[in-house]
């Protein structure tokens, strides 16, 4: 029967903790003596508490390592999305220039530029109007939470009601 310190390593866990199994005792730590007939209940409870503390500490370290790894992935993905946004901005700019130069074959280039500018002004106005209307509908006060907090406070003042 395997003890707490002899658990097999979970695949991938050693990568997150610098090659150390979080279930193994810290380097340089001594293992508590095996409980024998002369061990008191207090000694056994103390050993269990010490083992539990070590286990919780190792799990917290593992969670930190996992979160750090996931944050790095999220940062890289965010950078790629920012690059995609910039590329999309350039796409809109060059499509606008293309439309402007296409209009330049029909009308003077100054009028073509003015037409494209007017189109973008109309798009901006529509987006502004819709966004402003939706922003007015936003209520940042968490109504249900405030209501339940009031109920909890009332119950705390008069728990028998």
C-alpha atoms as a PDB file:
ATOM      1  CA  UNK A   1       0.000   0.000   0.000  1.00  0.00           C
ATOM      2  CA  UNK A   2       1.438   3.349  -1.043  1.00  0.00           C
ATOM      3  CA  UNK A   3       1.689   6.108   1.532  1.00  0.00           C
ATOM      4  CA  UNK A   4       1.060   9.782   0.914  1.00  0.00           C
ATOM      5  CA  UNK A   5       4.681  10.352  -0.089  1.00  0.00           C
ATOM      6  CA  UNK A   6       4.880   7.362  -2.409  1.00  0.00           C
ATOM      7  CA  UNK A   7       2.050   8.315  -4.776  1.00  0.00           C
ATOM      8  CA  UNK A   8       2.906   7.915  -8.438  1.00  0.00           C
ATOM      9  CA  UNK A   9       3.465  11.137 -10.317  1.00  0.00           C
ATOM     10  CA  UNK A  10       0.614  12.450 -12.378  1.00  0.00           C
ATOM     11  CA  UNK A  11       1.692  13.029 -15.988  1.00  0.00           C
ATOM     12  CA  UNK A  12       2.401  16.691 -16.585  1.00  0.00           C
ATOM     13  CA  UNK A  13       2.538  17.702 -12.910  1.00  0.00           C
ATOM     14  CA  UNK A  14       6.324  17.630 -12.765  1.00  0.00           C
ATOM     15  CA  UNK A  15       6.438  20.161 -15.612  1.00  0.00           C
ATOM     16  CA  UNK A  16       4.458  22.695 -13.587  1.00  0.00           C
ATOM     17  CA  UNK A  17       6.508  22.461 -10.408  1.00  0.00           C
ATOM     18  CA  UNK A  18      10.017  22.581 -11.772  1.00  0.00           C
ATOM     19  CA  UNK A  19      10.480  18.814 -12.030  1.00  0.00           C
ATOM     20  CA  UNK A  20       9.420  18.134  -8.433  1.00  0.00           C
ATOM     21  CA  UNK A  21       6.364  16.093  -7.622  1.00  0.00           C
ATOM     22  CA  UNK A  22       4.193  18.306  -5.404  1.00  0.00           C
ATOM     23  CA  UNK A  23       3.135  15.234  -3.471  1.00  0.00           C
ATOM     24  CA  UNK A  24       6.695  14.458  -2.375  1.00  0.00           C
ATOM     25  CA  UNK A  25       8.096  16.000   0.800  1.00  0.00           C
ATOM     26  CA  UNK A  26      10.079  19.221   0.398  1.00  0.00           C
ATOM     27  CA  UNK A  27      13.792  18.807  -0.176  1.00  0.00           C
ATOM     28  CA  UNK A  28      15.679  18.454   3.092  1.00  0.00           C
ATOM     29  CA  UNK A  29      12.535  17.719   5.064  1.00  0.00           C
ATOM     30  CA  UNK A  30      12.493  14.703   7.301  1.00  0.00           C
ATOM     31  CA  UNK A  31       9.684  12.230   7.282  1.00  0.00           C
ATOM     32  CA  UNK A  32       7.817  11.939  10.555  1.00  0.00           C
ATOM     33  CA  UNK A  33       8.393   8.725  12.409  1.00  0.00           C
ATOM     34  CA  UNK A  34       5.899   5.963  11.809  1.00  0.00           C
ATOM     35  CA  UNK A  35       3.291   5.915  14.557  1.00  0.00           C
ATOM     36  CA  UNK A  36       3.976   3.084  16.912  1.00  0.00           C
ATOM     37  CA  UNK A  37       2.415   1.748  20.065  1.00  0.00           C
ATOM     38  CA  UNK A  38       4.235   4.422  22.124  1.00  0.00           C
ATOM     39  CA  UNK A  39       2.828   7.349  20.031  1.00  0.00           C
ATOM     40  CA  UNK A  40       0.147   9.382  21.737  1.00  0.00           C
ATOM     41  CA  UNK A  41      -3.030  10.577  20.081  1.00  0.00           C
ATOM     42  CA  UNK A  42      -1.680  14.139  20.185  1.00  0.00           C
ATOM     43  CA  UNK A  43       1.482  13.056  18.337  1.00  0.00           C
ATOM     44  CA  UNK A  44      -0.568  11.317  15.648  1.00  0.00           C
ATOM     45  CA  UNK A  45      -2.877  14.336  15.252  1.00  0.00           C
ATOM     46  CA  UNK A  46       0.165  16.619  15.073  1.00  0.00           C
ATOM     47  CA  UNK A  47       1.692  14.456  12.341  1.00  0.00           C
ATOM     48  CA  UNK A  48      -1.576  14.451  10.413  1.00  0.00           C
ATOM     49  CA  UNK A  49      -1.823  18.241  10.710  1.00  0.00           C
ATOM     50  CA  UNK A  50       1.786  18.601   9.535  1.00  0.00           C
ATOM     51  CA  UNK A  51       1.157  16.303   6.583  1.00  0.00           C
ATOM     52  CA  UNK A  52      -2.040  18.143   5.721  1.00  0.00           C
ATOM     53  CA  UNK A  53      -0.272  21.507   5.911  1.00  0.00           C
ATOM     54  CA  UNK A  54       2.442  20.263   3.554  1.00  0.00           C
ATOM     55  CA  UNK A  55      -0.141  18.852   1.180  1.00  0.00           C
ATOM     56  CA  UNK A  56      -2.111  22.113   1.093  1.00  0.00           C
ATOM     57  CA  UNK A  57       1.091  24.120   0.572  1.00  0.00           C
ATOM     58  CA  UNK A  58       2.121  21.876  -2.320  1.00  0.00           C
ATOM     59  CA  UNK A  59      -1.333  22.117  -3.904  1.00  0.00           C
ATOM     60  CA  UNK A  60      -1.218  25.918  -3.632  1.00  0.00           C
ATOM     61  CA  UNK A  61       2.204  25.925  -5.304  1.00  0.00           C
ATOM     62  CA  UNK A  62       0.848  23.696  -8.051  1.00  0.00           C
ATOM     63  CA  UNK A  63      -2.137  26.011  -8.550  1.00  0.00           C
ATOM     64  CA  UNK A  64       0.198  29.016  -8.766  1.00  0.00           C
ATOM     65  CA  UNK A  65       2.325  27.262 -11.372  1.00  0.00           C
ATOM     66  CA  UNK A  66      -0.740  26.305 -13.413  1.00  0.00           C
ATOM     67  CA  UNK A  67      -2.138  29.847 -13.257  1.00  0.00           C
ATOM     68  CA  UNK A  68       1.208  31.295 -14.300  1.00  0.00           C
ATOM     69  CA  UNK A  69       1.345  28.952 -17.285  1.00  0.00           C
ATOM     70  CA  UNK A  70      -2.235  29.779 -18.303  1.00  0.00           C
ATOM     71  CA  UNK A  71      -1.594  33.527 -17.900  1.00  0.00           C
ATOM     72  CA  UNK A  72       1.371  33.233 -20.248  1.00  0.00           C
ATOM     73  CA  UNK A  73      -0.825  31.479 -22.824  1.00  0.00           C
ATOM     74  CA  UNK A  74      -3.518  34.151 -22.434  1.00  0.00           C
ATOM     75  CA  UNK A  75      -0.918  36.911 -22.857  1.00  0.00           C
ATOM     76  CA  UNK A  76       0.354  35.409 -26.090  1.00  0.00           C
ATOM     77  CA  UNK A  77      -3.199  34.966 -27.394  1.00  0.00           C
ATOM     78  CA  UNK A  78      -4.023  38.572 -26.443  1.00  0.00           C
ATOM     79  CA  UNK A  79      -0.964  39.784 -28.329  1.00  0.00           C
ATOM     80  CA  UNK A  80      -2.072  37.876 -31.400  1.00  0.00           C
ATOM     81  CA  UNK A  81      -5.567  39.369 -31.145  1.00  0.00           C
ATOM     82  CA  UNK A  82      -4.061  42.857 -30.855  1.00  0.00           C
ATOM     83  CA  UNK A  83      -1.994  42.169 -33.973  1.00  0.00           C
ATOM     84  CA  UNK A  84      -5.127  40.972 -35.764  1.00  0.00           C
ATOM     85  CA  UNK A  85      -6.921  44.162 -34.743  1.00  0.00           C
ATOM     86  CA  UNK A  86      -4.104  46.299 -36.105  1.00  0.00           C
ATOM     87  CA  UNK A  87      -4.070  44.294 -39.346  1.00  0.00           C
ATOM     88  CA  UNK A  88      -7.856  44.746 -39.597  1.00  0.00           C
ATOM     89  CA  UNK A  89      -7.421  48.487 -39.124  1.00  0.00           C
ATOM     90  CA  UNK A  90      -4.902  48.580 -41.966  1.00  0.00           C
ATOM     91  CA  UNK A  91      -7.285  46.516 -44.094  1.00  0.00           C
ATOM     92  CA  UNK A  92     -10.085  49.049 -43.589  1.00  0.00           C
ATOM     93  CA  UNK A  93      -7.685  51.890 -44.380  1.00  0.00           C
ATOM     94  CA  UNK A  94      -6.452  50.355 -47.627  1.00  0.00           C
ATOM     95  CA  UNK A  95      -9.930  49.275 -48.746  1.00  0.00           C
ATOM     96  CA  UNK A  96     -11.028  52.862 -48.175  1.00  0.00           C
ATOM     97  CA  UNK A  97      -8.140  54.115 -50.285  1.00  0.00           C
ATOM     98  CA  UNK A  98      -9.014  51.578 -52.991  1.00  0.00           C
ATOM     99  CA  UNK A  99     -12.629  52.754 -53.047  1.00  0.00           C
ATOM    100  CA  UNK A 100     -11.455  56.362 -53.153  1.00  0.00           C
ATOM    101  CA  UNK A 101      -9.154  55.718 -56.126  1.00  0.00           C
ATOM    102  CA  UNK A 102     -11.923  53.734 -57.862  1.00  0.00           C
ATOM    103  CA  UNK A 103     -14.253  56.734 -57.475  1.00  0.00           C
ATOM    104  CA  UNK A 104     -11.449  58.922 -58.829  1.00  0.00           C
ATOM    105  CA  UNK A 105     -12.025  57.359 -62.267  1.00  0.00           C
ATOM    106  CA  UNK A 106     -15.579  58.703 -62.212  1.00  0.00           C
ATOM    107  CA  UNK A 107     -15.174  62.026 -60.372  1.00  0.00           C
ATOM    108  CA  UNK A 108     -12.285  64.251 -59.314  1.00  0.00           C
ATOM    109  CA  UNK A 109     -10.024  62.687 -56.638  1.00  0.00           C
ATOM    110  CA  UNK A 110     -10.960  65.360 -54.094  1.00  0.00           C
ATOM    111  CA  UNK A 111     -14.644  64.513 -54.497  1.00  0.00           C
ATOM    112  CA  UNK A 112     -13.857  60.793 -54.263  1.00  0.00           C
ATOM    113  CA  UNK A 113     -12.005  61.367 -50.987  1.00  0.00           C
ATOM    114  CA  UNK A 114     -14.911  63.415 -49.685  1.00  0.00           C
ATOM    115  CA  UNK A 115     -17.415  60.671 -50.599  1.00  0.00           C
ATOM    116  CA  UNK A 116     -15.378  57.991 -48.773  1.00  0.00           C
ATOM    117  CA  UNK A 117     -14.978  60.310 -45.783  1.00  0.00           C
ATOM    118  CA  UNK A 118     -18.741  60.938 -45.707  1.00  0.00           C
ATOM    119  CA  UNK A 119     -19.401  57.181 -45.782  1.00  0.00           C
ATOM    120  CA  UNK A 120     -17.111  56.653 -42.786  1.00  0.00           C
ATOM    121  CA  UNK A 121     -18.722  59.600 -40.980  1.00  0.00           C
ATOM    122  CA  UNK A 122     -22.133  57.957 -41.459  1.00  0.00           C
ATOM    123  CA  UNK A 123     -20.833  54.633 -40.127  1.00  0.00           C
ATOM    124  CA  UNK A 124     -19.292  56.405 -37.118  1.00  0.00           C
ATOM    125  CA  UNK A 125     -22.529  58.285 -36.405  1.00  0.00           C
ATOM    126  CA  UNK A 126     -24.635  55.118 -36.501  1.00  0.00           C
ATOM    127  CA  UNK A 127     -22.193  53.229 -34.247  1.00  0.00           C
ATOM    128  CA  UNK A 128     -22.054  56.166 -31.806  1.00  0.00           C
ATOM    129  CA  UNK A 129     -25.853  56.441 -31.618  1.00  0.00           C
ATOM    130  CA  UNK A 130     -26.416  52.715 -31.098  1.00  0.00           C
ATOM    131  CA  UNK A 131     -23.569  52.443 -28.587  1.00  0.00           C
ATOM    132  CA  UNK A 132     -24.804  55.440 -26.586  1.00  0.00           C
ATOM    133  CA  UNK A 133     -28.338  54.012 -26.474  1.00  0.00           C
ATOM    134  CA  UNK A 134     -27.071  50.636 -25.251  1.00  0.00           C
ATOM    135  CA  UNK A 135     -24.807  52.295 -22.672  1.00  0.00           C
ATOM    136  CA  UNK A 136     -27.804  54.108 -21.188  1.00  0.00           C
ATOM    137  CA  UNK A 137     -29.453  50.713 -20.632  1.00  0.00           C
ATOM    138  CA  UNK A 138     -26.494  49.473 -18.562  1.00  0.00           C
ATOM    139  CA  UNK A 139     -27.148  49.346 -14.829  1.00  0.00           C
ATOM    140  CA  UNK A 140     -23.950  48.826 -12.839  1.00  0.00           C
ATOM    141  CA  UNK A 141     -25.801  48.409  -9.555  1.00  0.00           C
ATOM    142  CA  UNK A 142     -26.262  44.683  -8.853  1.00  0.00           C
ATOM    143  CA  UNK A 143     -29.937  44.873  -7.871  1.00  0.00           C
ATOM    144  CA  UNK A 144     -30.428  41.222  -6.894  1.00  0.00           C
ATOM    145  CA  UNK A 145     -27.248  41.181  -4.818  1.00  0.00           C
ATOM    146  CA  UNK A 146     -28.251  44.359  -2.978  1.00  0.00           C
ATOM    147  CA  UNK A 147     -31.670  42.858  -2.272  1.00  0.00           C
ATOM    148  CA  UNK A 148     -30.238  39.595  -0.894  1.00  0.00           C
ATOM    149  CA  UNK A 149     -27.743  41.552   1.229  1.00  0.00           C
ATOM    150  CA  UNK A 150     -30.621  43.555   2.703  1.00  0.00           C
ATOM    151  CA  UNK A 151     -32.461  40.310   3.457  1.00  0.00           C
ATOM    152  CA  UNK A 152     -29.328  38.845   5.081  1.00  0.00           C
ATOM    153  CA  UNK A 153     -28.850  41.957   7.206  1.00  0.00           C
ATOM    154  CA  UNK A 154     -32.483  41.852   8.301  1.00  0.00           C
ATOM    155  CA  UNK A 155     -32.161  38.185   9.217  1.00  0.00           C
ATOM    156  CA  UNK A 156     -28.933  38.860  11.142  1.00  0.00           C
ATOM    157  CA  UNK A 157     -30.716  41.535  13.208  1.00  0.00           C
ATOM    158  CA  UNK A 158     -33.691  39.268  13.928  1.00  0.00           C
ATOM    159  CA  UNK A 159     -32.656  35.617  13.309  1.00  0.00           C
ATOM    160  CA  UNK A 160     -35.858  34.201  14.810  1.00  0.00           C
ATOM    161  CA  UNK A 161     -38.135  35.796  12.159  1.00  0.00           C
END
